[in-house]
C-alpha cells in the first residue's frame, strides 16, 4: 500500500469513528418536558456510569404479575455527585417513587426529575441548582 493510500485509509477510519461517537450522544428533545409522570416501584438496576446515569425501575403496572420496566436517564455521575448523589443512592430491590418527564414516543422511559427512596427515606433531585442552593430563586 502506498503512503498516500494509507493516509487516506487512516483519515477515513478517523472520520468514521468520530462520526459514530458524535451520533451516540443525543439531545434531550426526546423527552416531553411539559409532562410529569409519577411512578412507584422497585429498583431493578442503578447504573452509575458515564455519560449518563440510568435508573431502571420495575413499576407497578396494569398486570400485577409483570411490572412495567422504566428506563430513567440522568446527567453524569460527576454532576450528580455535586448535587449530593452517590453510587449507593439507589440499590436493586429498593422501593422508590420517581417523578420524570416521559419520552415523547410513549416508550417506558424518561428524564428523571426526582427519586424518593422509600427504603432509606432519602430524596434526590436531578435539578442540581435546587440541590446545591435549595432557596435560590
C-alpha atoms as a PDB file:
ATOM      1  CA  UNK A   1       0.000   0.000   0.000  1.00  0.00           C
ATOM      2  CA  UNK A   2       1.360   3.398  -0.938  1.00  0.00           C
ATOM      3  CA  UNK A   3       1.846   6.050   1.782  1.00  0.00           C
ATOM      4  CA  UNK A   4      -0.850   8.287   0.268  1.00  0.00           C
ATOM      5  CA  UNK A   5      -3.337   5.408   0.133  1.00  0.00           C
ATOM      6  CA  UNK A   6      -2.506   4.527   3.766  1.00  0.00           C
ATOM      7  CA  UNK A   7      -3.085   8.158   4.763  1.00  0.00           C
ATOM      8  CA  UNK A   8      -6.493   8.148   3.052  1.00  0.00           C
ATOM      9  CA  UNK A   9      -7.470   4.957   4.914  1.00  0.00           C
ATOM     10  CA  UNK A  10      -6.384   6.405   8.257  1.00  0.00           C
ATOM     11  CA  UNK A  11      -8.302   9.638   7.642  1.00  0.00           C
ATOM     12  CA  UNK A  12     -11.459   7.763   6.597  1.00  0.00           C
ATOM     13  CA  UNK A  13     -11.252   5.493   9.629  1.00  0.00           C
ATOM     14  CA  UNK A  14     -10.828   8.534  11.916  1.00  0.00           C
ATOM     15  CA  UNK A  15     -13.824  10.274  10.387  1.00  0.00           C
ATOM     16  CA  UNK A  16     -15.952   7.152  10.738  1.00  0.00           C
ATOM     17  CA  UNK A  17     -15.044   6.704  14.409  1.00  0.00           C
ATOM     18  CA  UNK A  18     -15.601  10.373  15.225  1.00  0.00           C
ATOM     19  CA  UNK A  19     -18.979  10.437  13.483  1.00  0.00           C
ATOM     20  CA  UNK A  20     -20.080   7.367  15.425  1.00  0.00           C
ATOM     21  CA  UNK A  21     -19.129   8.955  18.766  1.00  0.00           C
ATOM     22  CA  UNK A  22     -20.921  12.191  17.948  1.00  0.00           C
ATOM     23  CA  UNK A  23     -24.034  10.339  16.867  1.00  0.00           C
ATOM     24  CA  UNK A  24     -24.067   8.284  20.071  1.00  0.00           C
ATOM     25  CA  UNK A  25     -24.658  11.387  22.184  1.00  0.00           C
ATOM     26  CA  UNK A  26     -28.151  12.798  21.850  1.00  0.00           C
ATOM     27  CA  UNK A  27     -30.110  15.893  22.678  1.00  0.00           C
ATOM     28  CA  UNK A  28     -32.892  15.977  25.227  1.00  0.00           C
ATOM     29  CA  UNK A  29     -35.545  16.601  22.551  1.00  0.00           C
ATOM     30  CA  UNK A  30     -36.832  13.055  23.050  1.00  0.00           C
ATOM     31  CA  UNK A  31     -38.241  13.985  26.478  1.00  0.00           C
ATOM     32  CA  UNK A  32     -41.573  15.777  26.942  1.00  0.00           C
ATOM     33  CA  UNK A  33     -40.729  18.469  29.497  1.00  0.00           C
ATOM     34  CA  UNK A  34     -44.366  19.641  29.518  1.00  0.00           C
ATOM     35  CA  UNK A  35     -45.488  16.387  31.208  1.00  0.00           C
ATOM     36  CA  UNK A  36     -44.593  14.915  34.589  1.00  0.00           C
ATOM     37  CA  UNK A  37     -45.279  11.262  35.417  1.00  0.00           C
ATOM     38  CA  UNK A  38     -45.086   9.831  38.951  1.00  0.00           C
ATOM     39  CA  UNK A  39     -44.404   6.111  39.402  1.00  0.00           C
ATOM     40  CA  UNK A  40     -43.898   3.784  42.338  1.00  0.00           C
ATOM     41  CA  UNK A  41     -41.899   0.614  42.020  1.00  0.00           C
ATOM     42  CA  UNK A  42     -38.755  -1.300  42.835  1.00  0.00           C
ATOM     43  CA  UNK A  43     -35.233  -0.533  41.633  1.00  0.00           C
ATOM     44  CA  UNK A  44     -34.186  -3.125  39.095  1.00  0.00           C
ATOM     45  CA  UNK A  45     -30.745  -1.616  38.453  1.00  0.00           C
ATOM     46  CA  UNK A  46     -28.860   1.620  39.108  1.00  0.00           C
ATOM     47  CA  UNK A  47     -26.131   2.197  36.501  1.00  0.00           C
ATOM     48  CA  UNK A  48     -23.619   4.763  37.813  1.00  0.00           C
ATOM     49  CA  UNK A  49     -21.733   5.215  34.536  1.00  0.00           C
ATOM     50  CA  UNK A  50     -20.740   7.922  32.067  1.00  0.00           C
ATOM     51  CA  UNK A  51     -22.067   9.633  30.060  1.00  0.00           C
ATOM     52  CA  UNK A  52     -25.474   9.308  31.798  1.00  0.00           C
ATOM     53  CA  UNK A  53     -26.544   7.602  34.998  1.00  0.00           C
ATOM     54  CA  UNK A  54     -29.558   5.341  34.443  1.00  0.00           C
ATOM     55  CA  UNK A  55     -32.134   4.090  36.933  1.00  0.00           C
ATOM     56  CA  UNK A  56     -34.161   1.045  35.865  1.00  0.00           C
ATOM     57  CA  UNK A  57     -37.423   0.734  37.812  1.00  0.00           C
ATOM     58  CA  UNK A  58     -39.904  -2.137  37.862  1.00  0.00           C
ATOM     59  CA  UNK A  59     -43.032  -0.004  38.231  1.00  0.00           C
ATOM     60  CA  UNK A  60     -46.456  -1.091  39.271  1.00  0.00           C
ATOM     61  CA  UNK A  61     -48.361  -1.546  36.028  1.00  0.00           C
ATOM     62  CA  UNK A  62     -51.577  -2.893  34.591  1.00  0.00           C
ATOM     63  CA  UNK A  63     -50.524  -6.520  35.087  1.00  0.00           C
ATOM     64  CA  UNK A  64     -49.603  -7.184  38.748  1.00  0.00           C
ATOM     65  CA  UNK A  65     -47.692 -10.317  37.711  1.00  0.00           C
ATOM     66  CA  UNK A  66     -45.464  -8.429  35.259  1.00  0.00           C
ATOM     67  CA  UNK A  67     -44.174  -4.963  36.216  1.00  0.00           C
ATOM     68  CA  UNK A  68     -43.532  -2.228  33.676  1.00  0.00           C
ATOM     69  CA  UNK A  69     -39.770  -1.701  33.324  1.00  0.00           C
ATOM     70  CA  UNK A  70     -38.924   2.015  33.055  1.00  0.00           C
ATOM     71  CA  UNK A  71     -35.593   3.444  31.858  1.00  0.00           C
ATOM     72  CA  UNK A  72     -34.866   6.771  33.610  1.00  0.00           C
ATOM     73  CA  UNK A  73     -31.942   8.815  32.361  1.00  0.00           C
ATOM     74  CA  UNK A  74     -29.979  11.431  34.277  1.00  0.00           C
ATOM     75  CA  UNK A  75     -26.864  13.533  33.873  1.00  0.00           C
ATOM     76  CA  UNK A  76     -23.308  12.309  34.528  1.00  0.00           C
ATOM     77  CA  UNK A  77     -22.065  10.811  37.819  1.00  0.00           C
ATOM     78  CA  UNK A  78     -19.832  13.870  38.351  1.00  0.00           C
ATOM     79  CA  UNK A  79     -22.745  16.292  38.135  1.00  0.00           C
ATOM     80  CA  UNK A  80     -24.936  14.146  40.388  1.00  0.00           C
ATOM     81  CA  UNK A  81     -22.142  13.819  42.969  1.00  0.00           C
ATOM     82  CA  UNK A  82     -22.004  17.608  43.243  1.00  0.00           C
ATOM     83  CA  UNK A  83     -25.747  17.504  43.926  1.00  0.00           C
ATOM     84  CA  UNK A  84     -25.408  15.038  46.817  1.00  0.00           C
ATOM     85  CA  UNK A  85     -25.913  11.763  44.963  1.00  0.00           C
ATOM     86  CA  UNK A  86     -23.663   8.708  45.280  1.00  0.00           C
ATOM     87  CA  UNK A  87     -23.472   5.345  43.578  1.00  0.00           C
ATOM     88  CA  UNK A  88     -25.349   3.994  46.620  1.00  0.00           C
ATOM     89  CA  UNK A  89     -28.322   6.388  46.355  1.00  0.00           C
ATOM     90  CA  UNK A  90     -30.418   3.518  44.991  1.00  0.00           C
ATOM     91  CA  UNK A  91     -29.847  -0.210  45.160  1.00  0.00           C
ATOM     92  CA  UNK A  92     -31.561  -3.129  43.466  1.00  0.00           C
ATOM     93  CA  UNK A  93     -34.661  -4.017  45.475  1.00  0.00           C
ATOM     94  CA  UNK A  94     -35.166  -0.536  46.991  1.00  0.00           C
ATOM     95  CA  UNK A  95     -38.764   0.692  46.888  1.00  0.00           C
ATOM     96  CA  UNK A  96     -38.915   4.107  45.172  1.00  0.00           C
ATOM     97  CA  UNK A  97     -41.275   6.792  43.968  1.00  0.00           C
ATOM     98  CA  UNK A  98     -39.994   8.673  40.929  1.00  0.00           C
ATOM     99  CA  UNK A  99     -41.042  11.780  39.038  1.00  0.00           C
ATOM    100  CA  UNK A 100     -39.993  12.019  35.396  1.00  0.00           C
ATOM    101  CA  UNK A 101     -40.511  13.760  32.095  1.00  0.00           C
ATOM    102  CA  UNK A 102     -41.628  10.904  29.802  1.00  0.00           C
ATOM    103  CA  UNK A 103     -40.332  10.027  26.372  1.00  0.00           C
ATOM    104  CA  UNK A 104     -42.294  11.710  23.592  1.00  0.00           C
ATOM    105  CA  UNK A 105     -42.719   8.436  21.684  1.00  0.00           C
ATOM    106  CA  UNK A 106     -44.618   6.752  24.520  1.00  0.00           C
ATOM    107  CA  UNK A 107     -41.956   4.166  25.385  1.00  0.00           C
ATOM    108  CA  UNK A 108     -41.439   3.400  29.076  1.00  0.00           C
ATOM    109  CA  UNK A 109     -38.660   5.845  29.854  1.00  0.00           C
ATOM    110  CA  UNK A 110     -37.845   9.431  30.561  1.00  0.00           C
ATOM    111  CA  UNK A 111     -35.677  12.065  32.157  1.00  0.00           C
ATOM    112  CA  UNK A 112     -35.648  11.600  35.924  1.00  0.00           C
ATOM    113  CA  UNK A 113     -36.665  14.659  37.934  1.00  0.00           C
ATOM    114  CA  UNK A 114     -36.689  13.259  41.469  1.00  0.00           C
ATOM    115  CA  UNK A 115     -36.488   9.939  43.270  1.00  0.00           C
ATOM    116  CA  UNK A 116     -37.688   9.251  46.796  1.00  0.00           C
ATOM    117  CA  UNK A 117     -36.091   6.091  48.113  1.00  0.00           C
ATOM    118  CA  UNK A 118     -38.735   4.689  50.456  1.00  0.00           C
ATOM    119  CA  UNK A 119     -36.275   2.095  51.730  1.00  0.00           C
ATOM    120  CA  UNK A 120     -33.786   4.701  53.019  1.00  0.00           C
ATOM    121  CA  UNK A 121     -36.094   7.705  53.368  1.00  0.00           C
ATOM    122  CA  UNK A 122     -33.808   9.856  51.183  1.00  0.00           C
ATOM    123  CA  UNK A 123     -34.915  12.077  48.310  1.00  0.00           C
ATOM    124  CA  UNK A 124     -32.625  13.008  45.421  1.00  0.00           C
ATOM    125  CA  UNK A 125     -33.271  15.560  42.690  1.00  0.00           C
ATOM    126  CA  UNK A 126     -31.646  15.907  39.300  1.00  0.00           C
ATOM    127  CA  UNK A 127     -32.159  19.679  39.497  1.00  0.00           C
ATOM    128  CA  UNK A 128     -28.625  20.425  40.641  1.00  0.00           C
ATOM    129  CA  UNK A 129     -29.348  24.091  41.289  1.00  0.00           C
ATOM    130  CA  UNK A 130     -32.014  23.092  43.820  1.00  0.00           C
ATOM    131  CA  UNK A 131     -29.692  20.539  45.405  1.00  0.00           C
ATOM    132  CA  UNK A 132     -26.779  22.970  45.791  1.00  0.00           C
ATOM    133  CA  UNK A 133     -28.761  26.057  46.831  1.00  0.00           C
ATOM    134  CA  UNK A 134     -32.273  24.999  47.875  1.00  0.00           C
ATOM    135  CA  UNK A 135     -33.602  28.540  48.406  1.00  0.00           C
ATOM    136  CA  UNK A 136     -32.101  30.134  45.280  1.00  0.00           C
ATOM    137  CA  UNK A 137     -34.700  31.883  43.120  1.00  0.00           C
END
